[in-house]
Amino acid sequence: MRNFHSPYFRDSSDSEDDADIDVEQLDATHFLPAQIEDLLGVIEYDLDGEEVLNGVSDSATMDDTDSDDTYEEEDDSQMSDTSSGSDLVSGNKADPAKKTANGENNSSSDSDSDTEAATSNKGAKKGLDGESTSESGPSHRVIDDYDEEMEEDDVIKAIITEIKKPRSKPADIQTEDFVVDLSFHPCEDILAVGSSVGDVLLYKYSNEQNVLTATHELHTKAIRCVEFMRDGLSIISSGRERTVAVADTETGKFKRVWEGAHNEPVYSMAVLGEHLFATGDDDGEVKLWDVRQRDAVFGLRPVEDFISCILSNGQQQKYLLMTSGDGLLTTINIAQRKMYVQSEPYEEELNCMGTFKRESKLVVGTSKGNYYTFNWGQFAYHCDAFTGPKASANRMVPITEQIAVMAGEDGIIRAMHLVPGRVLGIVGQHSMAIDTMDISGSGELIATSSHDNDVRFWNIKYFEDFDGIKYNSKPDKRTLKHNLPSSQGVNAKDFFAGLNE
């Protein structure tokens, strides 16, 4: 969920008095330059022809717990290992004596060549995708020498193939004020960013540059939610002063304003159709709005805690679903304007949800990292469940019929195959908890924001090639540390260590 009560969250009334937040930026992990001998030092073979990684055979590294339905999260701190050179690739600690592919120490005469190599790497620059590039062009990576045909798992083959491809994305957007919410324009390359001082900033984004095209001052206090209407001509926003407004995208002129729309500030919002949208507040009340009407279509208060997420199916628009902080999944019949069914209470906050398998499945993510699957229309109790990473599932964006991108409280953005449950790898990362996430109209980019006042883009187009692959039915804890092509960091040691366990 979005932490509106975070010490980093600022209202417009006190934003000028607060001290600037000194946040240490997450050190981007590295694309590692390497020679063929470095690669050979990673993958070796024993006398029986069995593949060995870092001197340990497959049989020695297999984890008996891989067959369990649940797993514990591994230490993500290794994702940003700051060691360099072949020592990082092979997993060995830094040592004055450089090791060859056969594991033997080089003589001291190699120190000159080591010095030259270190000097040449100082001029490396980081490209848009986090690749290390030098003045003369992209540097050599271990992954470029790896033959994906050696792998039996089709998923791993596809991931390696995609990592080898060059990918581009817009640069990060740095804002002066805290980013509360963001929304992609449905048709154009425009991103709306809602700030803690009540402004909606419109950015025209591209791989070359991001341009701030407009600043709409829509609220007197912090923005709570911002969404584009389906046609992209209007922006819907809610503020902490409990106002809901519809404004013209280009001019910022108000088309409709509902002052005192809720008794408490709005926490979540969802656009349901060409003219309809729904809002849920901090006190458990949900309202349905029509931009053509002066008053709300209807309002209900089926729960007593904040409404974290609102959703309706795209076809029939029969049910309005909402998750809440008191652990309930509530379904409202839109036509009858009354509650249809409410689930059994869960002992955790239900934070996010999405539909999959042509809207036949609903998956709900929780504050404890659990995921519950419901058959569509049967919302009283889940039909399946699995445990993902321990971090709270704050945001869920479905990107295919089976795959979603999850944003966690730990700042890690993970790709997950949700039907059935399996972690695919790391899409990207922030140094702090992720508050909001959205996907572009083309489905090629996602944007995320965190407490460090920046908006980051991630290119996820490669998932189109993954959706048709058959996945294992049980989650694989080794993929918790695998960086996918969109991630700013590619840790070759961690990636290869997971491939051959």
Protein backbone atom coordinates (compact mmCIF):
# COMPACT_ATOMS: atom_id res chain seq x y z
CA MET A 1 0.00 0.00 0.00
CA ARG A 2 1.01 3.62 -0.25
CA ASN A 3 2.30 4.81 3.09
CA PHE A 4 0.54 8.16 3.38
CA HIS A 5 1.66 8.42 7.00
CA SER A 6 5.33 7.94 6.16
CA PRO A 7 7.72 10.52 7.66
CA TYR A 8 8.72 11.25 4.04
CA PHE A 9 5.17 12.11 3.01
CA ARG A 10 4.57 15.83 3.12
CA ASP A 11 1.45 17.91 2.98
CA SER A 12 1.45 21.17 1.08
CA SER A 13 1.01 23.06 4.33
CA ASP A 14 4.28 21.92 5.83
CA SER A 15 6.37 20.92 2.83
CA GLU A 16 8.40 24.12 2.89
CA ASP A 17 9.38 23.70 6.53
CA ASP A 18 10.54 20.13 6.28
CA ALA A 19 14.22 19.47 5.87
CA ASP A 20 15.39 17.92 2.64
CA ILE A 21 15.52 14.17 2.85
CA ASP A 22 19.00 12.77 2.52
CA VAL A 23 18.48 9.38 0.93
CA GLU A 24 21.40 7.30 -0.14
CA GLN A 25 20.77 6.23 -3.66
CA LEU A 26 20.85 2.53 -4.40
CA ASP A 27 24.12 1.64 -6.00
CA ALA A 28 23.31 0.17 -9.39
CA THR A 29 24.71 -3.29 -9.86
CA HIS A 30 27.12 -3.85 -12.64
CA PHE A 31 27.32 -5.27 -16.13
CA LEU A 32 30.68 -6.95 -15.87
CA PRO A 33 33.39 -6.74 -18.55
CA ALA A 34 35.07 -10.10 -18.95
CA GLN A 35 37.24 -12.15 -21.29
CA ILE A 36 36.68 -15.69 -22.46
CA GLU A 37 38.97 -17.01 -19.71
CA ASP A 38 36.71 -15.34 -17.13
CA LEU A 39 33.72 -17.19 -18.53
CA LEU A 40 35.64 -20.43 -18.42
CA GLY A 41 36.41 -19.70 -14.80
CA VAL A 42 32.67 -19.59 -14.09
CA ILE A 43 31.61 -22.80 -15.78
CA GLU A 44 33.85 -25.85 -15.46
CA TYR A 45 33.35 -29.59 -15.75
CA ASP A 46 34.42 -32.39 -13.47
CA LEU A 47 35.97 -35.68 -14.54
CA ASP A 48 32.58 -37.27 -15.17
CA GLY A 49 31.54 -34.45 -17.50
CA GLU A 50 29.13 -32.99 -14.94
CA GLU A 51 28.86 -29.22 -15.02
CA VAL A 52 30.40 -27.47 -12.02
CA LEU A 53 29.88 -23.85 -10.96
CA ASN A 54 32.45 -22.09 -8.77
CA GLY A 55 34.04 -25.41 -8.03
CA VAL A 56 30.82 -27.01 -6.71
CA SER A 57 28.95 -29.67 -8.65
CA ASP A 58 25.22 -29.59 -9.35
CA SER A 59 24.58 -32.43 -6.96
CA ALA A 60 26.23 -30.51 -4.15
CA THR A 61 24.28 -27.31 -4.75
CA MET A 62 20.77 -28.73 -5.12
CA ASP A 63 18.43 -27.53 -2.40
CA ASP A 64 16.02 -30.12 -1.05
CA THR A 65 13.55 -27.40 -0.20
CA ASP A 66 12.99 -26.52 -3.87
CA SER A 67 10.16 -29.00 -4.02
CA ASP A 68 8.21 -27.27 -1.27
CA ASP A 69 5.13 -25.24 -2.11
CA THR A 70 6.47 -22.29 -0.14
CA TYR A 71 9.91 -20.87 0.29
CA GLU A 72 11.80 -18.27 2.22
CA GLU A 73 13.22 -15.18 0.60
CA GLU A 74 16.94 -15.17 -0.01
CA ASP A 75 19.19 -12.27 0.85
CA ASP A 76 18.70 -9.63 -1.83
CA SER A 77 21.73 -7.75 -0.60
CA GLN A 78 23.90 -9.97 -2.81
CA MET A 79 22.13 -8.49 -5.81
CA SER A 80 24.34 -5.42 -5.61
CA ASP A 81 27.68 -7.08 -4.95
CA THR A 82 30.26 -4.34 -5.35
CA SER A 83 33.22 -6.60 -6.06
CA SER A 84 34.79 -6.22 -9.49
CA GLY A 85 36.51 -8.15 -12.23
CA SER A 86 36.68 -11.93 -12.43
CA ASP A 87 36.49 -12.23 -8.63
CA LEU A 88 32.88 -11.06 -8.77
CA VAL A 89 32.05 -13.40 -11.62
CA SER A 90 33.56 -16.44 -9.93
CA GLY A 91 32.15 -15.60 -6.52
CA ASN A 92 35.56 -15.47 -4.82
CA LYS A 93 36.60 -12.76 -2.38
CA ALA A 94 39.06 -10.15 -3.55
CA ASP A 95 42.59 -11.49 -3.57
CA PRO A 96 45.87 -9.85 -4.58
CA ALA A 97 46.69 -12.87 -6.72
CA LYS A 98 44.47 -13.20 -9.78
CA LYS A 99 43.19 -16.70 -10.53
CA THR A 100 43.30 -18.28 -13.95
CA ALA A 101 40.60 -20.45 -15.50
CA ASN A 102 42.27 -23.53 -13.99
CA GLY A 103 42.21 -22.04 -10.50
CA GLU A 104 46.00 -21.49 -10.31
CA ASN A 105 47.47 -18.24 -9.08
CA ASN A 106 49.25 -16.01 -11.56
CA SER A 107 52.74 -14.75 -10.84
CA SER A 108 53.39 -11.21 -9.68
CA SER A 109 54.30 -10.27 -13.24
CA ASP A 110 50.58 -10.07 -13.98
CA SER A 111 50.18 -7.07 -11.72
CA ASP A 112 50.98 -4.65 -14.57
CA SER A 113 48.22 -6.05 -16.75
CA ASP A 114 45.82 -5.91 -13.81
CA THR A 115 46.63 -2.26 -13.32
CA GLU A 116 46.03 -1.49 -16.98
CA ALA A 117 42.71 -3.30 -16.92
CA ALA A 118 41.60 -1.40 -13.83
CA THR A 119 42.60 1.88 -15.42
CA SER A 120 40.71 1.15 -18.62
CA ASN A 121 37.56 0.39 -16.65
CA LYS A 122 37.56 3.78 -14.92
CA GLY A 123 36.27 5.47 -18.05
CA ALA A 124 33.24 3.22 -18.30
CA LYS A 125 29.88 4.93 -18.49
CA LYS A 126 26.47 3.57 -17.71
CA GLY A 127 23.89 3.53 -20.49
CA LEU A 128 20.13 3.80 -20.23
CA ASP A 129 19.72 0.12 -19.47
CA GLY A 130 22.50 0.08 -16.91
CA GLU A 131 25.00 -1.40 -19.36
CA SER A 132 28.58 -0.41 -18.85
CA THR A 133 29.78 1.44 -21.90
CA SER A 134 33.15 2.92 -22.70
CA GLU A 135 34.23 5.68 -25.04
CA SER A 136 34.65 3.17 -27.86
CA GLY A 137 31.31 1.41 -27.33
CA PRO A 138 29.63 -1.25 -25.16
CA SER A 139 31.98 -3.41 -23.12
CA HIS A 140 32.04 -7.18 -23.27
CA ARG A 141 29.69 -9.01 -20.89
CA VAL A 142 29.85 -12.54 -19.54
CA ILE A 143 26.27 -13.16 -20.64
CA ASP A 144 27.21 -12.48 -24.28
CA ASP A 145 29.40 -15.60 -24.33
CA TYR A 146 26.84 -17.84 -22.70
CA ASP A 147 25.02 -20.32 -24.96
CA GLU A 148 21.37 -20.46 -23.95
CA GLU A 149 20.97 -23.73 -25.87
CA MET A 150 22.90 -25.40 -23.05
CA GLU A 151 19.87 -24.88 -20.82
CA GLU A 152 16.93 -27.29 -20.66
CA ASP A 153 14.50 -24.82 -19.08
CA ASP A 154 12.68 -22.84 -21.79
CA VAL A 155 12.13 -19.93 -19.40
CA ILE A 156 15.86 -19.59 -18.72
CA LYS A 157 16.58 -19.80 -22.45
CA ALA A 158 14.16 -16.98 -23.15
CA ILE A 159 15.55 -14.80 -20.36
CA ILE A 160 19.16 -15.21 -21.53
CA THR A 161 18.16 -14.41 -25.12
CA GLU A 162 16.38 -11.25 -24.02
CA ILE A 163 19.25 -10.08 -21.79
CA LYS A 164 21.56 -10.20 -24.80
CA LYS A 165 19.33 -7.83 -26.75
CA PRO A 166 19.90 -4.07 -26.41
CA ARG A 167 17.01 -2.32 -24.73
CA SER A 168 16.18 1.33 -24.27
CA LYS A 169 13.98 3.28 -21.90
CA PRO A 170 13.48 6.89 -20.80
CA ALA A 171 15.80 8.32 -18.19
CA ASP A 172 14.69 8.76 -14.58
CA ILE A 173 12.59 11.79 -13.68
CA GLN A 174 13.72 13.70 -10.59
CA THR A 175 11.07 15.77 -8.81
CA GLU A 176 11.37 18.44 -6.14
CA ASP A 177 8.36 17.14 -4.21
CA PHE A 178 7.29 13.72 -3.05
CA VAL A 179 5.58 11.63 -5.78
CA VAL A 180 2.26 10.29 -4.52
CA ASP A 181 0.77 8.76 -7.66
CA LEU A 182 1.37 8.50 -11.40
CA SER A 183 -0.58 7.51 -14.49
CA PHE A 184 0.26 6.86 -18.16
CA HIS A 185 -1.74 8.52 -20.91
CA PRO A 186 -3.72 5.77 -22.72
CA CYS A 187 -2.61 6.83 -26.22
CA GLU A 188 0.33 9.24 -26.10
CA ASP A 189 3.80 9.17 -24.50
CA ILE A 190 2.71 11.32 -21.57
CA LEU A 191 3.07 10.55 -17.87
CA ALA A 192 1.02 12.36 -15.20
CA VAL A 193 2.72 12.67 -11.81
CA GLY A 194 0.80 13.72 -8.70
CA SER A 195 2.87 15.53 -6.07
CA SER A 196 2.64 16.17 -2.34
CA VAL A 197 1.94 19.89 -2.90
CA GLY A 198 -1.26 19.33 -4.89
CA ASP A 199 0.13 19.67 -8.42
CA VAL A 200 -0.18 17.28 -11.36
CA LEU A 201 2.94 17.35 -13.54
CA LEU A 202 2.72 16.21 -17.17
CA TYR A 203 5.90 14.81 -18.74
CA LYS A 204 6.42 14.03 -22.41
CA TYR A 205 8.80 11.06 -22.22
CA SER A 206 11.07 9.46 -24.80
CA ASN A 207 14.33 7.51 -24.91
CA GLU A 208 16.17 10.73 -25.75
CA GLN A 209 14.77 13.07 -23.09
CA ASN A 210 11.86 13.80 -20.74
CA VAL A 211 10.18 17.19 -21.02
CA LEU A 212 7.89 18.78 -18.44
CA THR A 213 5.07 20.09 -20.65
CA ALA A 214 2.58 21.32 -18.06
CA THR A 215 2.00 21.81 -14.33
CA HIS A 216 -1.64 21.82 -13.26
CA GLU A 217 -2.34 23.21 -9.77
CA LEU A 218 -5.47 21.21 -9.01
CA HIS A 219 -5.54 20.82 -5.21
CA THR A 220 -4.70 22.86 -2.14
CA LYS A 221 -3.19 19.86 -0.36
CA ALA A 222 -1.33 16.73 -1.39
CA ILE A 223 -2.55 14.68 -4.33
CA ARG A 224 -3.85 11.28 -3.28
CA CYS A 225 -4.71 9.69 -6.66
CA VAL A 226 -4.41 10.65 -10.32
CA GLU A 227 -5.79 8.82 -13.37
CA PHE A 228 -6.42 9.55 -17.05
CA MET A 229 -9.88 8.96 -18.44
CA ARG A 230 -10.12 6.34 -21.20
CA ASP A 231 -9.95 8.93 -23.99
CA GLY A 232 -6.96 10.71 -22.42
CA LEU A 233 -8.67 14.11 -22.72
CA SER A 234 -9.35 14.45 -18.99
CA ILE A 235 -7.45 13.85 -15.76
CA ILE A 236 -9.21 12.72 -12.58
CA SER A 237 -7.47 13.60 -9.33
CA SER A 238 -8.20 13.52 -5.62
CA GLY A 239 -6.59 15.59 -2.88
CA ARG A 240 -6.01 15.31 0.81
CA GLU A 241 -8.56 18.09 1.31
CA ARG A 242 -11.18 15.48 0.20
CA THR A 243 -11.87 17.06 -3.19
CA VAL A 244 -12.27 15.01 -6.38
CA ALA A 245 -11.74 16.92 -9.64
CA VAL A 246 -11.91 16.28 -13.38
CA ALA A 247 -9.66 18.60 -15.41
CA ASP A 248 -8.76 19.09 -19.05
CA THR A 249 -5.48 17.32 -19.81
CA GLU A 250 -4.05 20.07 -21.99
CA THR A 251 -5.17 23.23 -20.21
CA GLY A 252 -5.77 22.05 -16.64
CA LYS A 253 -9.16 23.78 -16.65
CA PHE A 254 -11.72 22.15 -14.34
CA LYS A 255 -14.56 20.24 -15.99
CA ARG A 256 -16.12 18.95 -12.76
CA VAL A 257 -15.28 19.42 -9.06
CA TRP A 258 -16.77 17.59 -6.10
CA GLU A 259 -15.79 19.35 -2.89
CA GLY A 260 -16.10 17.19 0.22
CA ALA A 261 -16.51 14.15 -2.01
CA HIS A 262 -15.67 11.87 0.93
CA ASN A 263 -15.66 12.30 4.69
CA GLU A 264 -12.06 11.08 4.70
CA PRO A 265 -9.27 11.51 2.10
CA VAL A 266 -9.43 9.22 -0.92
CA TYR A 267 -6.96 6.32 -0.81
CA SER A 268 -7.63 4.52 -4.11
CA MET A 269 -9.23 5.21 -7.47
CA ALA A 270 -10.11 3.19 -10.57
CA VAL A 271 -11.46 4.23 -13.99
CA LEU A 272 -14.20 1.79 -14.95
CA GLY A 273 -15.47 3.10 -18.27
CA GLU A 274 -15.75 6.03 -20.63
CA HIS A 275 -17.56 8.14 -18.03
CA LEU A 276 -17.44 6.07 -14.82
CA PHE A 277 -14.85 5.87 -12.07
CA ALA A 278 -14.80 4.73 -8.44
CA THR A 279 -13.04 6.04 -5.34
CA GLY A 280 -12.35 4.49 -1.95
CA ASP A 281 -11.28 6.41 1.16
CA ASP A 282 -9.30 5.90 4.35
CA ASP A 283 -12.44 4.98 6.30
CA GLY A 284 -13.80 2.16 4.12
CA GLU A 285 -16.33 4.08 2.02
CA VAL A 286 -16.53 3.51 -1.74
CA LYS A 287 -18.34 5.75 -4.24
CA LEU A 288 -19.17 5.42 -7.91
CA TRP A 289 -19.02 8.59 -10.02
CA ASP A 290 -20.22 9.65 -13.47
CA VAL A 291 -18.42 12.69 -14.89
CA ARG A 292 -21.73 13.83 -16.45
CA GLN A 293 -23.54 13.99 -13.09
CA ARG A 294 -23.26 16.46 -10.23
CA ASP A 295 -23.54 13.86 -7.48
CA ALA A 296 -22.13 10.40 -6.89
CA VAL A 297 -24.04 7.53 -8.52
CA PHE A 298 -24.00 5.71 -5.17
CA GLY A 299 -21.90 5.23 -2.06
CA LEU A 300 -21.43 2.33 0.38
CA ARG A 301 -19.27 1.68 3.45
CA PRO A 302 -18.86 -2.10 3.53
CA VAL A 303 -15.58 -2.08 5.52
CA GLU A 304 -14.06 -0.06 8.35
CA ASP A 305 -10.46 0.31 7.16
CA PHE A 306 -8.79 1.94 4.15
CA ILE A 307 -9.74 0.67 0.70
CA SER A 308 -6.42 -0.27 -0.86
CA CYS A 309 -7.48 -1.27 -4.40
CA ILE A 310 -10.56 -1.10 -6.63
CA LEU A 311 -11.17 -3.27 -9.71
CA SER A 312 -13.89 -4.31 -12.13
CA ASN A 313 -13.78 -6.77 -14.99
CA GLY A 314 -13.43 -5.24 -18.44
CA GLN A 315 -16.20 -7.16 -20.15
CA GLN A 316 -19.43 -7.17 -18.16
CA GLN A 317 -18.79 -4.41 -15.59
CA LYS A 318 -21.16 -6.31 -13.30
CA TYR A 319 -19.09 -6.40 -10.12
CA LEU A 320 -17.02 -3.79 -8.32
CA LEU A 321 -14.30 -5.43 -6.24
CA MET A 322 -12.26 -3.82 -3.46
CA THR A 323 -9.54 -4.94 -1.08
CA SER A 324 -9.09 -3.32 2.32
CA GLY A 325 -6.75 -2.99 5.26
CA ASP A 326 -8.97 -5.14 7.47
CA GLY A 327 -8.23 -8.21 5.33
CA LEU A 328 -11.49 -8.39 3.38
CA LEU A 329 -12.27 -8.80 -0.31
CA THR A 330 -15.62 -7.11 -0.89
CA THR A 331 -17.73 -7.44 -4.04
CA ILE A 332 -20.52 -4.99 -4.92
CA ASN A 333 -23.19 -5.60 -7.54
CA ILE A 334 -23.05 -2.38 -9.57
CA ALA A 335 -26.53 -2.65 -11.10
CA GLN A 336 -28.24 -3.42 -7.77
CA ARG A 337 -25.98 -0.98 -5.87
CA LYS A 338 -25.54 -3.31 -2.94
CA MET A 339 -22.96 -5.72 -1.58
CA TYR A 340 -22.86 -9.03 -3.44
CA VAL A 341 -20.50 -11.04 -1.22
CA GLN A 342 -17.69 -10.47 1.26
CA SER A 343 -14.82 -12.90 1.77
CA GLU A 344 -13.75 -14.55 4.97
CA PRO A 345 -11.39 -12.20 6.85
CA TYR A 346 -7.66 -12.72 6.33
CA GLU A 347 -5.15 -11.97 9.08
CA GLU A 348 -3.24 -9.54 6.88
CA GLU A 349 -3.89 -6.47 4.81
CA LEU A 350 -5.11 -7.12 1.26
CA ASN A 351 -3.20 -4.54 -0.79
CA CYS A 352 -3.57 -5.21 -4.51
CA MET A 353 -5.24 -7.44 -7.08
CA GLY A 354 -5.47 -8.27 -10.77
CA THR A 355 -7.35 -10.51 -13.19
CA PHE A 356 -5.71 -13.24 -15.26
CA LYS A 357 -6.56 -16.11 -17.63
CA ARG A 358 -9.05 -14.01 -19.62
CA GLU A 359 -10.57 -12.68 -16.40
CA SER A 360 -11.38 -16.15 -15.12
CA LYS A 361 -8.97 -15.78 -12.18
CA LEU A 362 -8.53 -13.03 -9.59
CA VAL A 363 -5.23 -12.86 -7.68
CA VAL A 364 -4.89 -10.80 -4.48
CA GLY A 365 -1.55 -9.78 -2.93
CA THR A 366 -1.14 -9.16 0.80
CA SER A 367 1.04 -7.34 3.32
CA LYS A 368 2.75 -10.61 4.30
CA GLY A 369 3.74 -11.56 0.75
CA ASN A 370 0.97 -14.13 0.29
CA TYR A 371 -1.04 -14.45 -2.92
CA TYR A 372 -4.61 -15.77 -2.99
CA THR A 373 -6.33 -16.90 -6.20
CA PHE A 374 -10.13 -16.73 -6.59
CA ASN A 375 -12.28 -18.12 -9.36
CA TRP A 376 -14.15 -15.24 -10.94
CA GLY A 377 -17.61 -14.96 -9.39
CA GLN A 378 -16.59 -17.02 -6.36
CA PHE A 379 -15.16 -14.36 -4.08
CA ALA A 380 -16.06 -15.78 -0.66
CA TYR A 381 -12.88 -17.83 -0.30
CA HIS A 382 -9.77 -18.48 -2.38
CA CYS A 383 -9.27 -21.62 -4.44
CA ASP A 384 -5.47 -21.53 -4.41
CA ALA A 385 -2.64 -19.77 -2.60
CA PHE A 386 1.12 -19.50 -2.57
CA THR A 387 3.73 -17.58 -0.60
CA GLY A 388 6.04 -15.23 -2.45
CA PRO A 389 8.85 -13.04 -1.10
CA LYS A 390 8.32 -11.91 2.49
CA ALA A 391 8.10 -8.24 1.52
CA SER A 392 4.64 -6.70 1.41
CA ALA A 393 3.04 -6.76 -2.05
CA ASN A 394 2.24 -3.06 -2.48
CA ARG A 395 1.34 -2.89 -6.15
CA MET A 396 0.31 -5.36 -8.87
CA VAL A 397 0.28 -4.63 -12.62
CA PRO A 398 -0.85 -7.51 -14.88
CA ILE A 399 1.19 -7.45 -18.08
CA THR A 400 0.06 -10.70 -19.76
CA GLU A 401 -2.66 -13.28 -19.16
CA GLN A 402 -0.45 -15.03 -16.60
CA ILE A 403 2.35 -12.67 -15.59
CA ALA A 404 2.28 -9.61 -13.33
CA VAL A 405 4.88 -7.15 -12.12
CA MET A 406 4.86 -6.75 -8.34
CA ALA A 407 6.23 -3.79 -6.37
CA GLY A 408 7.31 -4.57 -2.83
CA GLU A 409 7.92 -2.79 0.43
CA ASP A 410 11.60 -3.74 0.07
CA GLY A 411 11.97 -1.59 -3.07
CA ILE A 412 12.28 -4.59 -5.40
CA ILE A 413 10.13 -4.90 -8.53
CA ARG A 414 9.60 -8.58 -9.33
CA ALA A 415 8.06 -10.39 -12.26
CA MET A 416 5.78 -13.19 -11.11
CA HIS A 417 3.90 -15.90 -12.92
CA LEU A 418 0.75 -15.87 -10.80
CA VAL A 419 -1.30 -18.74 -12.27
CA PRO A 420 0.35 -20.89 -10.97
CA GLY A 421 2.64 -19.02 -8.61
CA ARG A 422 6.32 -18.63 -9.52
CA VAL A 423 8.85 -15.81 -9.20
CA LEU A 424 10.55 -15.11 -12.55
CA GLY A 425 13.12 -12.57 -11.44
CA ILE A 426 13.88 -8.94 -10.66
CA VAL A 427 12.58 -6.32 -13.10
CA GLY A 428 14.08 -3.31 -11.30
CA GLN A 429 14.75 -1.76 -7.93
CA HIS A 430 14.55 1.36 -5.79
CA SER A 431 16.46 2.09 -2.61
CA MET A 432 13.23 2.53 -0.64
CA ALA A 433 9.65 1.20 -0.58
CA ILE A 434 7.72 1.58 -3.83
CA ASP A 435 4.50 3.59 -3.50
CA THR A 436 3.01 3.56 -6.97
CA MET A 437 3.34 1.82 -10.33
CA ASP A 438 1.59 1.97 -13.71
CA ILE A 439 1.95 0.46 -17.18
CA SER A 440 1.96 2.38 -20.46
CA GLY A 441 -0.82 2.07 -23.00
CA SER A 442 1.48 0.16 -25.35
CA GLY A 443 2.43 -2.30 -22.60
CA GLU A 444 6.12 -1.70 -23.28
CA LEU A 445 7.02 0.36 -20.20
CA ILE A 446 6.18 0.47 -16.54
CA ALA A 447 6.91 3.46 -14.31
CA THR A 448 7.51 3.32 -10.56
CA SER A 449 8.17 5.84 -7.81
CA SER A 450 9.57 5.63 -4.31
CA HIS A 451 10.32 7.84 -1.28
CA ASP A 452 13.48 9.09 -2.98
CA ASN A 453 11.43 11.52 -5.13
CA ASP A 454 12.22 9.95 -8.47
CA VAL A 455 10.25 8.19 -11.18
CA ARG A 456 11.93 5.29 -12.98
CA PHE A 457 11.00 3.56 -16.23
CA TRP A 458 11.49 -0.12 -17.04
CA ASN A 459 11.23 -1.73 -20.48
CA ILE A 460 9.18 -4.94 -20.13
CA LYS A 461 8.33 -5.67 -23.77
CA TYR A 462 10.25 -8.95 -23.59
CA PHE A 463 7.47 -10.54 -21.51
CA GLU A 464 5.43 -10.97 -24.68
CA ASP A 465 7.78 -13.84 -25.55
CA PHE A 466 7.43 -15.46 -22.11
CA ASP A 467 3.68 -15.78 -21.79
CA GLY A 468 3.30 -18.83 -24.01
CA ILE A 469 6.01 -20.82 -22.21
CA LYS A 470 4.92 -23.62 -19.92
CA TYR A 471 6.00 -22.93 -16.35
CA ASN A 472 6.67 -25.21 -13.45
CA SER A 473 3.77 -25.38 -11.02
CA LYS A 474 5.94 -24.73 -7.95
CA PRO A 475 7.77 -21.50 -7.09
CA ASP A 476 11.53 -21.50 -7.51
CA LYS A 477 13.39 -19.59 -4.79
CA ARG A 478 16.56 -19.36 -6.91
CA THR A 479 14.94 -16.81 -9.20
CA LEU A 480 14.53 -14.34 -6.36
CA LYS A 481 17.95 -12.89 -7.22
CA HIS A 482 17.86 -13.16 -11.03
CA ASN A 483 17.92 -9.78 -12.73
CA LEU A 484 15.75 -9.58 -15.82
CA PRO A 485 16.63 -7.46 -18.89
CA SER A 486 14.76 -4.40 -17.61
CA SER A 487 16.69 -4.23 -14.34
CA GLN A 488 19.36 -1.58 -13.90
CA GLY A 489 21.60 -4.24 -12.42
CA VAL A 490 22.79 -7.52 -13.92
CA ASN A 491 24.87 -9.44 -11.44
CA ALA A 492 26.56 -12.11 -13.52
CA LYS A 493 27.65 -14.12 -10.50
CA ASP A 494 24.15 -14.40 -9.06
CA PHE A 495 22.57 -15.05 -12.45
CA PHE A 496 24.90 -17.89 -13.42
CA ALA A 497 24.86 -19.32 -9.90
CA GLY A 498 21.13 -19.81 -10.21
CA LEU A 499 21.08 -21.23 -13.71
CA ASN A 500 22.89 -24.46 -12.98
CA GLU A 501 21.89 -25.34 -9.43
